[in-house]
Amino acid sequence: MAAPSVSFRISRSAEDLAETIHALSQRLVQLEQRLVAMELQLASSAQDDPAELESLSNVERLLQDCRLLLTAESVPLKPDSVLPRPQLQQQLDRDTEQVQVFPDAA
C-alpha cells in the first residue's frame, strides 16, 4: 500500500505546482499589461503641445527683450535711438497679447 500513497503525493504535488505556475503566468500577463499601459501614458504625456511651445517661445522672447532693456538702461542712449512713446506702447501691447497664461500655472 505504500506505492499508491507515494503516487498520490506525487500527483498532488504536480497538480499544486501546475496551479502555482498558472497563477504566476496570470500575474505576469497582468504586469505586462500594466507596463504597456504605463508606457503608453508616458509616451502620450511626453508629446509636446504646440500651443504650449509657442507660448513658451513668446515668454522666452519677452525675457530676452526685458534683459535687453535692462542692459540698455545702464548704457547711455543717444536721443535718436529711443523709440517714440506711441511706437513703444504699441510694441509692448503686441508682446503682451502674445503671452498666454495657462490656468493650471496660477
C-alpha atoms as a PDB file:
ATOM      1  CA  MET A   1       0.000   0.000   0.000  1.00  0.00           C
ATOM      2  CA  ALA A   2       2.939   2.308   0.195  1.00  0.00           C
ATOM      3  CA  ALA A   3       3.125   2.634  -3.583  1.00  0.00           C
ATOM      4  CA  PRO A   4      -0.310   4.259  -4.123  1.00  0.00           C
ATOM      5  CA  SER A   5       0.368   6.719  -1.333  1.00  0.00           C
ATOM      6  CA  VAL A   6       3.623   7.908  -2.949  1.00  0.00           C
ATOM      7  CA  SER A   7       1.948   8.078  -6.334  1.00  0.00           C
ATOM      8  CA  PHE A   8      -0.900  10.143  -4.864  1.00  0.00           C
ATOM      9  CA  ARG A   9       1.547  12.560  -3.224  1.00  0.00           C
ATOM     10  CA  ILE A  10       3.468  12.964  -6.487  1.00  0.00           C
ATOM     11  CA  SER A  11       0.234  13.627  -8.405  1.00  0.00           C
ATOM     12  CA  ARG A  12      -0.955  16.093  -5.774  1.00  0.00           C
ATOM     13  CA  SER A  13       2.396  17.922  -5.787  1.00  0.00           C
ATOM     14  CA  ALA A  14       2.365  18.096  -9.583  1.00  0.00           C
ATOM     15  CA  GLU A  15      -1.189  19.481  -9.507  1.00  0.00           C
ATOM     16  CA  ASP A  16      -0.220  22.109  -6.911  1.00  0.00           C
ATOM     17  CA  LEU A  17       2.808  23.026  -8.975  1.00  0.00           C
ATOM     18  CA  ALA A  18       0.653  23.403 -12.122  1.00  0.00           C
ATOM     19  CA  GLU A  19      -1.801  25.678 -10.254  1.00  0.00           C
ATOM     20  CA  THR A  20       1.062  27.811  -8.941  1.00  0.00           C
ATOM     21  CA  ILE A  21       2.589  28.118 -12.414  1.00  0.00           C
ATOM     22  CA  HIS A  22      -0.826  29.078 -13.825  1.00  0.00           C
ATOM     23  CA  ALA A  23      -1.309  31.766 -11.129  1.00  0.00           C
ATOM     24  CA  LEU A  24       2.176  33.135 -11.765  1.00  0.00           C
ATOM     25  CA  SER A  25       1.518  33.215 -15.512  1.00  0.00           C
ATOM     26  CA  GLN A  26      -1.706  35.182 -14.992  1.00  0.00           C
ATOM     27  CA  ARG A  27       0.097  37.622 -12.717  1.00  0.00           C
ATOM     28  CA  LEU A  28       2.858  38.047 -15.302  1.00  0.00           C
ATOM     29  CA  VAL A  29       0.289  38.815 -18.011  1.00  0.00           C
ATOM     30  CA  GLN A  30      -1.346  41.430 -15.743  1.00  0.00           C
ATOM     31  CA  LEU A  31       2.009  43.041 -15.022  1.00  0.00           C
ATOM     32  CA  GLU A  32       2.885  43.150 -18.719  1.00  0.00           C
ATOM     33  CA  GLN A  33      -0.456  44.813 -19.472  1.00  0.00           C
ATOM     34  CA  ARG A  34       0.156  47.406 -16.749  1.00  0.00           C
ATOM     35  CA  LEU A  35       3.629  48.035 -18.135  1.00  0.00           C
ATOM     36  CA  VAL A  36       2.251  48.611 -21.648  1.00  0.00           C
ATOM     37  CA  ALA A  37      -0.418  50.962 -20.270  1.00  0.00           C
ATOM     38  CA  MET A  38       2.186  52.941 -18.318  1.00  0.00           C
ATOM     39  CA  GLU A  39       4.468  53.164 -21.368  1.00  0.00           C
ATOM     40  CA  LEU A  40       1.565  54.468 -23.486  1.00  0.00           C
ATOM     41  CA  GLN A  41       0.689  57.009 -20.816  1.00  0.00           C
ATOM     42  CA  LEU A  42       4.296  58.136 -20.599  1.00  0.00           C
ATOM     43  CA  ALA A  43       4.578  58.404 -24.390  1.00  0.00           C
ATOM     44  CA  SER A  44       1.379  60.454 -24.662  1.00  0.00           C
ATOM     45  CA  SER A  45       2.411  62.824 -21.884  1.00  0.00           C
ATOM     46  CA  ALA A  46       5.852  63.249 -23.443  1.00  0.00           C
ATOM     47  CA  GLN A  47       4.410  64.670 -26.668  1.00  0.00           C
ATOM     48  CA  ASP A  48       4.863  68.427 -26.810  1.00  0.00           C
ATOM     49  CA  ASP A  49       1.822  70.659 -27.096  1.00  0.00           C
ATOM     50  CA  PRO A  50       2.361  73.153 -29.970  1.00  0.00           C
ATOM     51  CA  ALA A  51       0.372  75.899 -28.239  1.00  0.00           C
ATOM     52  CA  GLU A  52       2.420  75.492 -25.085  1.00  0.00           C
ATOM     53  CA  LEU A  53       5.671  75.560 -27.058  1.00  0.00           C
ATOM     54  CA  GLU A  54       4.602  78.736 -28.847  1.00  0.00           C
ATOM     55  CA  SER A  55       3.659  80.357 -25.562  1.00  0.00           C
ATOM     56  CA  LEU A  56       6.985  79.386 -24.019  1.00  0.00           C
ATOM     57  CA  SER A  57       8.749  80.789 -27.069  1.00  0.00           C
ATOM     58  CA  ASN A  58       6.897  84.081 -26.615  1.00  0.00           C
ATOM     59  CA  VAL A  59       7.826  84.168 -22.946  1.00  0.00           C
ATOM     60  CA  GLU A  60      11.449  83.488 -23.832  1.00  0.00           C
ATOM     61  CA  ARG A  61      11.418  86.335 -26.332  1.00  0.00           C
ATOM     62  CA  LEU A  62       9.858  88.692 -23.764  1.00  0.00           C
ATOM     63  CA  LEU A  63      12.522  87.736 -21.240  1.00  0.00           C
ATOM     64  CA  GLN A  64      15.216  88.495 -23.783  1.00  0.00           C
ATOM     65  CA  ASP A  65      13.577  91.839 -24.531  1.00  0.00           C
ATOM     66  CA  CYS A  66      13.478  92.649 -20.813  1.00  0.00           C
ATOM     67  CA  ARG A  67      17.131  91.732 -20.425  1.00  0.00           C
ATOM     68  CA  LEU A  68      17.986  93.967 -23.371  1.00  0.00           C
ATOM     69  CA  LEU A  69      16.009  96.805 -21.836  1.00  0.00           C
ATOM     70  CA  LEU A  70      17.770  96.354 -18.517  1.00  0.00           C
ATOM     71  CA  THR A  71      21.191  96.393 -20.124  1.00  0.00           C
ATOM     72  CA  ALA A  72      20.189  99.289 -22.352  1.00  0.00           C
ATOM     73  CA  GLU A  73      19.203 101.359 -19.317  1.00  0.00           C
ATOM     74  CA  SER A  74      22.661 101.023 -17.863  1.00  0.00           C
ATOM     75  CA  VAL A  75      24.234 102.214 -21.135  1.00  0.00           C
ATOM     76  CA  PRO A  76      23.531 105.867 -22.026  1.00  0.00           C
ATOM     77  CA  LEU A  77      21.369 106.104 -25.134  1.00  0.00           C
ATOM     78  CA  LYS A  78      21.594 108.602 -27.899  1.00  0.00           C
ATOM     79  CA  PRO A  79      18.409 110.649 -28.240  1.00  0.00           C
ATOM     80  CA  ASP A  80      17.805 109.474 -31.821  1.00  0.00           C
ATOM     81  CA  SER A  81      17.911 105.748 -30.836  1.00  0.00           C
ATOM     82  CA  VAL A  82      14.926 105.995 -28.484  1.00  0.00           C
ATOM     83  CA  LEU A  83      11.578 104.922 -29.880  1.00  0.00           C
ATOM     84  CA  PRO A  84       8.810 107.498 -29.750  1.00  0.00           C
ATOM     85  CA  ARG A  85       6.398 106.707 -26.918  1.00  0.00           C
ATOM     86  CA  PRO A  86       3.409 105.606 -29.114  1.00  0.00           C
ATOM     87  CA  GLN A  87       5.586 103.111 -31.016  1.00  0.00           C
ATOM     88  CA  LEU A  88       6.996 101.751 -27.782  1.00  0.00           C
ATOM     89  CA  GLN A  89       3.488 101.333 -26.341  1.00  0.00           C
ATOM     90  CA  GLN A  90       2.299  99.535 -29.497  1.00  0.00           C
ATOM     91  CA  GLN A  91       5.252  97.124 -29.285  1.00  0.00           C
ATOM     92  CA  LEU A  92       4.505  96.425 -25.612  1.00  0.00           C
ATOM     93  CA  ASP A  93       0.823  95.831 -26.413  1.00  0.00           C
ATOM     94  CA  ARG A  94       1.740  93.329 -29.165  1.00  0.00           C
ATOM     95  CA  ASP A  95       4.127  91.498 -26.861  1.00  0.00           C
ATOM     96  CA  THR A  96       1.547  91.334 -24.072  1.00  0.00           C
ATOM     97  CA  GLU A  97      -1.153  89.959 -26.400  1.00  0.00           C
ATOM     98  CA  GLN A  98       1.096  87.088 -27.478  1.00  0.00           C
ATOM     99  CA  VAL A  99       1.664  85.796 -23.950  1.00  0.00           C
ATOM    100  CA  GLN A 100      -0.855  83.141 -22.924  1.00  0.00           C
ATOM    101  CA  VAL A 101      -1.338  82.223 -19.294  1.00  0.00           C
ATOM    102  CA  PHE A 102      -2.143  78.583 -18.535  1.00  0.00           C
ATOM    103  CA  PRO A 103      -4.909  78.157 -15.928  1.00  0.00           C
ATOM    104  CA  ASP A 104      -3.054  75.440 -14.004  1.00  0.00           C
ATOM    105  CA  ALA A 105       0.083  77.577 -13.718  1.00  0.00           C
ATOM    106  CA  ALA A 106      -1.616  80.078 -11.397  1.00  0.00           C
END
